[in-house]
N, C-alpha and C. Protein backbone atom coordinates (compact mmCIF):
# COMPACT_ATOMS: atom_id res chain seq x y z
N MET A 1 10.55 4.71 -16.50
CA MET A 1 10.26 3.34 -16.10
C MET A 1 10.14 2.41 -17.37
N SER A 2 9.90 2.81 -18.74
CA SER A 2 10.02 1.87 -19.78
C SER A 2 11.20 1.26 -19.83
N HIS A 3 12.25 1.81 -19.73
CA HIS A 3 13.62 1.19 -19.76
C HIS A 3 13.88 -0.07 -18.63
N ALA A 4 12.94 0.25 -17.49
CA ALA A 4 13.18 -0.80 -16.37
C ALA A 4 12.10 -1.87 -16.96
N ILE A 5 10.99 -1.69 -17.61
CA ILE A 5 9.95 -2.83 -17.73
C ILE A 5 10.69 -3.52 -19.00
N ALA A 6 11.40 -2.71 -19.89
CA ALA A 6 12.27 -3.47 -21.08
C ALA A 6 13.46 -4.47 -20.64
N LEU A 7 13.79 -4.09 -19.40
CA LEU A 7 14.91 -4.87 -19.02
C LEU A 7 14.25 -6.23 -17.98
N SER A 8 13.07 -6.13 -17.79
CA SER A 8 12.54 -7.29 -17.04
C SER A 8 12.28 -8.34 -17.67
N ASP A 9 12.41 -9.48 -16.95
CA ASP A 9 11.98 -10.92 -17.61
C ASP A 9 10.59 -11.22 -17.21
N THR A 10 10.42 -10.91 -15.94
CA THR A 10 8.80 -11.24 -15.44
C THR A 10 8.53 -9.89 -14.68
N LEU A 11 7.39 -9.31 -14.99
CA LEU A 11 6.77 -8.40 -14.45
C LEU A 11 5.43 -8.47 -13.69
N LEU A 12 5.35 -8.14 -12.59
CA LEU A 12 4.27 -8.33 -11.79
C LEU A 12 3.70 -7.12 -11.40
N LEU A 13 2.37 -6.94 -11.63
CA LEU A 13 1.56 -5.59 -11.43
C LEU A 13 0.17 -6.07 -10.97
N THR A 14 -0.23 -5.00 -10.23
CA THR A 14 -1.91 -5.10 -10.00
C THR A 14 -2.47 -4.70 -11.24
N GLY A 15 -3.74 -4.88 -11.40
CA GLY A 15 -4.72 -4.60 -12.43
C GLY A 15 -4.74 -3.02 -12.59
N GLU A 16 -4.47 -2.33 -11.58
CA GLU A 16 -4.73 -0.78 -11.54
C GLU A 16 -3.34 -0.34 -12.12
N GLU A 17 -2.29 -0.96 -11.85
CA GLU A 17 -0.94 -0.32 -12.08
C GLU A 17 -0.65 -0.75 -13.55
N ALA A 18 -1.11 -1.84 -13.91
CA ALA A 18 -0.81 -2.44 -15.23
C ALA A 18 -1.70 -1.15 -16.28
N VAL A 19 -3.10 -1.01 -15.71
CA VAL A 19 -3.61 0.00 -16.76
C VAL A 19 -3.15 1.37 -16.75
N ALA A 20 -2.75 1.60 -15.79
CA ALA A 20 -1.92 3.00 -15.45
C ALA A 20 -0.80 3.30 -16.01
N VAL A 21 0.05 2.29 -16.14
CA VAL A 21 1.42 2.29 -16.92
C VAL A 21 1.09 2.26 -18.30
N VAL A 22 0.22 1.36 -19.02
CA VAL A 22 0.23 1.48 -20.63
C VAL A 22 -1.17 1.95 -20.97
N GLY A 23 -2.09 2.19 -20.06
CA GLY A 23 -3.44 2.56 -20.77
C GLY A 23 -4.28 1.30 -20.84
N GLY A 24 -5.25 1.59 -21.84
CA GLY A 24 -5.98 0.34 -22.26
C GLY A 24 -7.28 0.37 -21.52
N LEU A 25 -8.31 -0.83 -22.02
CA LEU A 25 -9.54 -1.15 -21.45
C LEU A 25 -9.49 -1.91 -20.30
N GLY A 26 -8.33 -2.72 -20.06
CA GLY A 26 -8.45 -3.73 -18.96
C GLY A 26 -6.98 -4.40 -18.97
N PRO A 27 -7.04 -5.28 -18.09
CA PRO A 27 -5.77 -6.13 -17.73
C PRO A 27 -5.17 -6.94 -19.10
N ALA A 28 -6.21 -7.44 -19.70
CA ALA A 28 -5.74 -8.08 -20.94
C ALA A 28 -4.96 -7.55 -21.84
N CYS A 29 -5.85 -6.29 -22.29
CA CYS A 29 -5.13 -5.25 -23.13
C CYS A 29 -3.86 -4.67 -22.71
N ALA A 30 -3.66 -4.42 -21.46
CA ALA A 30 -2.61 -3.96 -20.78
C ALA A 30 -1.33 -4.80 -20.72
N ALA A 31 -1.75 -6.09 -20.36
CA ALA A 31 -0.76 -7.20 -20.51
C ALA A 31 0.05 -7.12 -21.93
N GLN A 32 -0.79 -6.96 -23.18
CA GLN A 32 -0.28 -7.24 -24.30
C GLN A 32 0.64 -5.93 -24.66
N GLY A 33 0.33 -4.58 -24.01
CA GLY A 33 0.92 -3.38 -24.36
C GLY A 33 2.53 -3.56 -23.36
N LEU A 34 2.32 -4.16 -22.28
CA LEU A 34 3.51 -4.66 -21.53
C LEU A 34 4.30 -5.57 -22.10
N LEU A 35 3.80 -6.58 -22.63
CA LEU A 35 4.74 -7.48 -23.18
C LEU A 35 5.45 -6.94 -24.57
N ALA A 36 4.89 -5.82 -25.39
CA ALA A 36 5.70 -5.10 -26.22
C ALA A 36 6.65 -4.41 -25.85
N CYS A 37 6.74 -4.19 -24.48
CA CYS A 37 7.84 -3.49 -23.98
C CYS A 37 9.11 -4.19 -23.83
N GLY A 38 9.06 -5.36 -23.74
CA GLY A 38 10.05 -6.50 -23.55
C GLY A 38 9.82 -7.51 -22.77
N PRO A 39 9.04 -7.72 -21.40
CA PRO A 39 9.14 -8.76 -20.57
C PRO A 39 8.75 -9.89 -21.26
N THR A 40 9.14 -11.16 -20.89
CA THR A 40 8.68 -12.46 -21.44
C THR A 40 7.58 -12.99 -20.78
N LEU A 41 7.31 -12.50 -19.47
CA LEU A 41 5.95 -12.85 -18.66
C LEU A 41 5.40 -11.65 -17.85
N VAL A 42 4.24 -11.22 -18.16
CA VAL A 42 3.57 -10.38 -17.42
C VAL A 42 2.49 -11.00 -16.64
N VAL A 43 2.37 -10.56 -15.31
CA VAL A 43 1.60 -11.33 -14.50
C VAL A 43 0.99 -10.09 -13.71
N ILE A 44 -0.49 -10.11 -13.95
CA ILE A 44 -1.43 -9.09 -13.52
C ILE A 44 -2.14 -9.59 -12.30
N LYS A 45 -2.22 -9.14 -11.14
CA LYS A 45 -2.86 -9.42 -9.74
C LYS A 45 -4.30 -8.96 -9.90
N LEU A 46 -5.39 -9.78 -9.77
CA LEU A 46 -6.55 -9.15 -9.81
C LEU A 46 -7.29 -9.47 -8.48
N GLY A 47 -6.75 -9.42 -7.29
CA GLY A 47 -6.96 -9.67 -6.09
C GLY A 47 -8.00 -10.94 -6.18
N GLN A 48 -9.17 -11.01 -5.43
CA GLN A 48 -10.20 -12.01 -5.41
C GLN A 48 -10.36 -12.98 -6.63
N ALA A 49 -10.39 -11.86 -7.51
CA ALA A 49 -10.73 -12.53 -9.08
C ALA A 49 -9.63 -13.32 -9.70
N GLY A 50 -8.47 -13.51 -8.94
CA GLY A 50 -7.24 -14.26 -9.27
C GLY A 50 -6.05 -13.56 -10.07
N CYS A 51 -5.69 -13.96 -11.33
CA CYS A 51 -4.73 -13.44 -12.01
C CYS A 51 -4.62 -13.78 -13.31
N LEU A 52 -3.94 -12.82 -14.05
CA LEU A 52 -3.63 -13.11 -15.58
C LEU A 52 -2.46 -13.26 -15.72
N LEU A 53 -1.88 -14.31 -16.53
CA LEU A 53 -0.39 -14.21 -16.75
C LEU A 53 -0.48 -14.43 -18.48
N ALA A 54 0.69 -13.74 -18.98
CA ALA A 54 0.53 -13.51 -20.47
C ALA A 54 2.07 -13.81 -20.98
N THR A 55 2.18 -14.37 -21.84
CA THR A 55 3.67 -14.45 -22.50
C THR A 55 3.15 -13.89 -23.94
N ARG A 56 4.26 -14.04 -24.85
CA ARG A 56 3.96 -13.63 -26.34
C ARG A 56 2.88 -14.67 -26.85
N THR A 57 2.97 -15.92 -26.42
CA THR A 57 2.21 -16.84 -27.16
C THR A 57 1.08 -17.43 -26.34
N GLU A 58 0.68 -17.12 -25.21
CA GLU A 58 -0.23 -17.45 -24.37
C GLU A 58 -0.85 -16.44 -23.15
N GLN A 59 -2.11 -16.41 -23.19
CA GLN A 59 -2.47 -15.30 -22.17
C GLN A 59 -3.67 -16.33 -21.30
N ILE A 60 -3.41 -16.46 -20.13
CA ILE A 60 -4.69 -17.22 -19.31
C ILE A 60 -4.91 -16.35 -18.15
N ARG A 61 -6.05 -16.52 -17.68
CA ARG A 61 -6.87 -16.06 -16.41
C ARG A 61 -6.88 -17.22 -15.62
N VAL A 62 -6.56 -17.13 -14.34
CA VAL A 62 -6.58 -18.14 -13.46
C VAL A 62 -7.43 -17.65 -12.35
N ALA A 63 -8.39 -18.12 -11.92
CA ALA A 63 -9.66 -17.90 -10.87
C ALA A 63 -8.84 -17.75 -9.54
N GLY A 64 -9.31 -17.08 -8.74
CA GLY A 64 -8.97 -16.81 -7.26
C GLY A 64 -9.61 -18.06 -6.32
N PHE A 65 -9.25 -17.84 -5.20
CA PHE A 65 -10.07 -18.74 -4.33
C PHE A 65 -10.95 -18.03 -3.29
N THR A 66 -11.99 -18.51 -2.83
CA THR A 66 -12.97 -17.78 -2.00
C THR A 66 -12.47 -18.25 -0.72
N VAL A 67 -12.20 -17.21 0.23
CA VAL A 67 -11.50 -17.44 1.70
C VAL A 67 -12.25 -16.51 2.23
N GLU A 68 -12.34 -16.54 3.87
CA GLU A 68 -12.64 -15.66 4.72
C GLU A 68 -11.67 -14.58 5.06
N VAL A 69 -11.60 -13.34 4.69
CA VAL A 69 -10.50 -12.29 4.62
C VAL A 69 -10.46 -11.78 6.20
N ALA A 70 -9.07 -12.04 6.71
CA ALA A 70 -8.93 -11.61 7.83
C ALA A 70 -7.90 -10.47 7.85
N ASP A 71 -6.94 -10.21 6.93
CA ASP A 71 -6.15 -9.30 6.67
C ASP A 71 -5.37 -9.31 5.48
N THR A 72 -5.39 -8.36 4.64
CA THR A 72 -4.87 -8.32 3.15
C THR A 72 -3.26 -8.03 3.46
N THR A 73 -2.82 -7.54 4.31
CA THR A 73 -1.28 -7.10 4.42
C THR A 73 -0.57 -8.34 4.08
N GLY A 74 0.38 -8.15 3.31
CA GLY A 74 1.28 -9.29 2.75
C GLY A 74 0.96 -10.34 1.68
N ALA A 75 -0.33 -10.05 1.37
CA ALA A 75 -1.32 -11.21 0.56
C ALA A 75 -0.25 -10.99 -1.13
N GLY A 76 0.10 -9.64 -1.52
CA GLY A 76 0.74 -9.44 -2.60
C GLY A 76 2.36 -10.06 -2.62
N ASP A 77 2.77 -9.90 -1.39
CA ASP A 77 3.99 -10.51 -1.16
C ASP A 77 4.02 -12.20 -1.22
N ALA A 78 3.20 -12.89 -0.46
CA ALA A 78 2.89 -14.18 -0.51
C ALA A 78 2.49 -14.58 -1.95
N PHE A 79 1.81 -13.80 -2.96
CA PHE A 79 1.61 -14.26 -4.04
C PHE A 79 2.80 -14.29 -5.14
N ASP A 80 3.61 -13.13 -4.81
CA ASP A 80 5.00 -13.19 -5.74
C ASP A 80 5.98 -14.04 -5.45
N ALA A 81 5.91 -14.43 -3.89
CA ALA A 81 6.88 -15.63 -3.62
C ALA A 81 6.59 -16.83 -4.29
N ALA A 82 5.25 -17.11 -4.20
CA ALA A 82 4.71 -18.36 -4.82
C ALA A 82 4.79 -18.59 -6.49
N LEU A 83 4.75 -17.34 -6.91
CA LEU A 83 4.91 -17.15 -8.27
C LEU A 83 6.36 -17.48 -8.96
N VAL A 84 7.28 -16.80 -8.21
CA VAL A 84 8.62 -17.16 -8.02
C VAL A 84 8.91 -18.63 -8.04
N TYR A 85 8.61 -19.29 -6.87
CA TYR A 85 8.56 -20.62 -6.58
C TYR A 85 8.19 -21.50 -7.76
N GLY A 86 7.07 -21.12 -8.37
CA GLY A 86 6.48 -21.97 -9.24
C GLY A 86 7.29 -21.95 -10.77
N ARG A 87 7.78 -20.68 -11.02
CA ARG A 87 8.62 -20.26 -12.21
C ARG A 87 10.10 -21.22 -11.88
N LEU A 88 10.65 -21.08 -10.90
CA LEU A 88 11.96 -21.73 -10.61
C LEU A 88 11.81 -23.08 -10.54
N HIS A 89 10.66 -23.89 -10.11
CA HIS A 89 10.32 -25.18 -10.43
C HIS A 89 9.68 -25.78 -11.72
N GLY A 90 9.77 -24.79 -12.71
CA GLY A 90 9.46 -25.11 -14.11
C GLY A 90 7.96 -25.36 -14.23
N ARG A 91 7.08 -25.10 -13.18
CA ARG A 91 5.64 -25.30 -13.20
C ARG A 91 5.00 -24.52 -14.61
N PRO A 92 4.12 -25.19 -15.22
CA PRO A 92 3.25 -24.44 -16.42
C PRO A 92 2.73 -23.20 -15.80
N LEU A 93 2.43 -22.34 -16.78
CA LEU A 93 1.63 -21.01 -16.20
C LEU A 93 0.44 -21.21 -15.50
N GLN A 94 -0.31 -22.25 -15.88
CA GLN A 94 -1.75 -22.14 -15.25
C GLN A 94 -1.39 -22.96 -13.81
N GLN A 95 -0.45 -23.75 -13.50
CA GLN A 95 -0.18 -24.26 -12.24
C GLN A 95 0.39 -23.28 -11.49
N THR A 96 1.34 -22.53 -12.00
CA THR A 96 1.87 -21.45 -11.24
C THR A 96 0.94 -20.22 -10.83
N GLY A 97 -0.05 -19.84 -11.53
CA GLY A 97 -0.97 -19.15 -11.22
C GLY A 97 -1.80 -19.53 -10.09
N GLN A 98 -2.10 -20.86 -10.16
CA GLN A 98 -3.09 -21.19 -9.16
C GLN A 98 -2.26 -21.25 -7.73
N LEU A 99 -0.93 -21.77 -7.76
CA LEU A 99 -0.15 -21.84 -6.85
C LEU A 99 0.00 -20.35 -5.91
N ALA A 100 0.42 -19.37 -6.83
CA ALA A 100 0.33 -17.81 -6.41
C ALA A 100 -1.02 -17.53 -6.11
N ASN A 101 -2.01 -17.72 -6.60
CA ASN A 101 -3.38 -17.52 -6.02
C ASN A 101 -3.69 -17.93 -4.58
N ALA A 102 -3.21 -19.29 -4.55
CA ALA A 102 -3.51 -20.01 -3.37
C ALA A 102 -2.70 -19.57 -2.04
N ALA A 103 -1.40 -18.82 -2.53
CA ALA A 103 -0.42 -18.18 -1.39
C ALA A 103 -1.24 -16.84 -1.18
N GLY A 104 -1.54 -16.31 -1.87
CA GLY A 104 -2.29 -14.92 -1.71
C GLY A 104 -3.52 -15.13 -0.79
N ALA A 105 -4.42 -16.26 -1.25
CA ALA A 105 -5.57 -16.43 -0.49
C ALA A 105 -5.16 -16.73 0.92
N THR A 106 -4.28 -17.74 1.09
CA THR A 106 -4.01 -17.95 2.15
C THR A 106 -3.59 -17.21 3.19
N ALA A 107 -2.82 -16.52 2.71
CA ALA A 107 -2.21 -15.16 3.62
C ALA A 107 -3.41 -14.05 4.00
N VAL A 108 -4.56 -13.94 3.13
CA VAL A 108 -5.32 -12.86 3.61
C VAL A 108 -6.29 -13.54 4.62
N ALA A 109 -6.33 -14.96 4.74
CA ALA A 109 -7.32 -15.59 5.83
C ALA A 109 -6.51 -15.55 6.97
N LYS A 110 -5.15 -15.07 7.34
CA LYS A 110 -4.55 -15.04 8.53
C LYS A 110 -4.15 -13.48 9.00
N VAL A 111 -3.93 -13.16 10.22
CA VAL A 111 -3.59 -11.85 10.30
C VAL A 111 -2.08 -11.96 10.65
N GLY A 112 -1.45 -10.84 10.16
CA GLY A 112 0.03 -10.46 10.33
C GLY A 112 0.55 -11.05 8.97
N THR A 113 1.94 -10.29 9.09
CA THR A 113 2.94 -10.74 7.98
C THR A 113 4.17 -11.31 8.60
N GLY A 114 5.23 -11.16 7.64
CA GLY A 114 6.58 -11.81 8.37
C GLY A 114 6.47 -13.17 8.48
N THR A 115 6.80 -13.57 9.67
CA THR A 115 6.62 -15.26 10.02
C THR A 115 5.40 -15.66 10.16
N ARG A 116 4.39 -14.82 10.20
CA ARG A 116 2.99 -15.10 10.01
C ARG A 116 2.40 -15.41 8.81
N LEU A 117 3.18 -15.41 7.59
CA LEU A 117 2.71 -15.40 6.27
C LEU A 117 2.37 -17.13 6.24
N PRO A 118 1.87 -17.57 5.33
CA PRO A 118 1.60 -19.01 5.28
C PRO A 118 2.75 -19.53 4.77
N GLY A 119 2.95 -20.98 5.13
CA GLY A 119 4.06 -21.75 4.55
C GLY A 119 3.58 -22.91 3.58
N LYS A 120 4.60 -23.42 3.08
CA LYS A 120 4.05 -24.32 1.90
C LYS A 120 2.96 -25.27 2.23
N ALA A 121 3.01 -25.91 3.44
CA ALA A 121 2.14 -26.92 3.86
C ALA A 121 0.61 -26.48 3.62
N GLU A 122 0.39 -24.99 4.17
CA GLU A 122 -0.82 -24.33 4.21
C GLU A 122 -1.38 -24.19 2.70
N ILE A 123 -0.27 -23.46 1.94
CA ILE A 123 -0.74 -23.08 0.70
C ILE A 123 -1.21 -24.34 -0.06
N PHE A 124 -0.48 -25.63 -0.03
CA PHE A 124 -0.70 -26.77 -0.86
C PHE A 124 -2.23 -27.54 -0.21
N GLU A 125 -2.24 -27.09 1.14
CA GLU A 125 -3.76 -27.77 1.50
C GLU A 125 -4.79 -27.00 0.99
N LEU A 126 -4.87 -25.83 0.50
CA LEU A 126 -5.57 -25.02 0.16
C LEU A 126 -5.80 -25.39 -1.35
N LEU A 127 -4.90 -25.93 -2.02
CA LEU A 127 -4.77 -26.26 -3.40
C LEU A 127 -5.58 -27.86 -3.59
N LYS A 128 -5.66 -28.51 -2.41
CA LYS A 128 -6.33 -29.83 -2.63
C LYS A 128 -7.49 -29.83 -3.05
């Protein structure tokens, strides 16, 4: 697994996964350990608490959104897709984290996955 991590540019994990891979006392410590393995960006998903984004020069925590949860299925996929969108569009880390958190929150407020995942308009509405 360490070889795959070393070849990664962006690594996305849940808080539990990050700690399990490198050990440590929490997500911030785990992010530093993972960065030392080679990725340029480590993103740790923290559920309702938001996310942590870390590079070699910056580490930020972005708060999550409070929504009524209907179904958690697909929330991670929505988060990941929005994170990729933010990165591809050159958004700063803080903005990218907010966008990803909004996508995950919008997803959990709905029932279902696939075509039922939130669209861009729904995600940006939550960000307003």
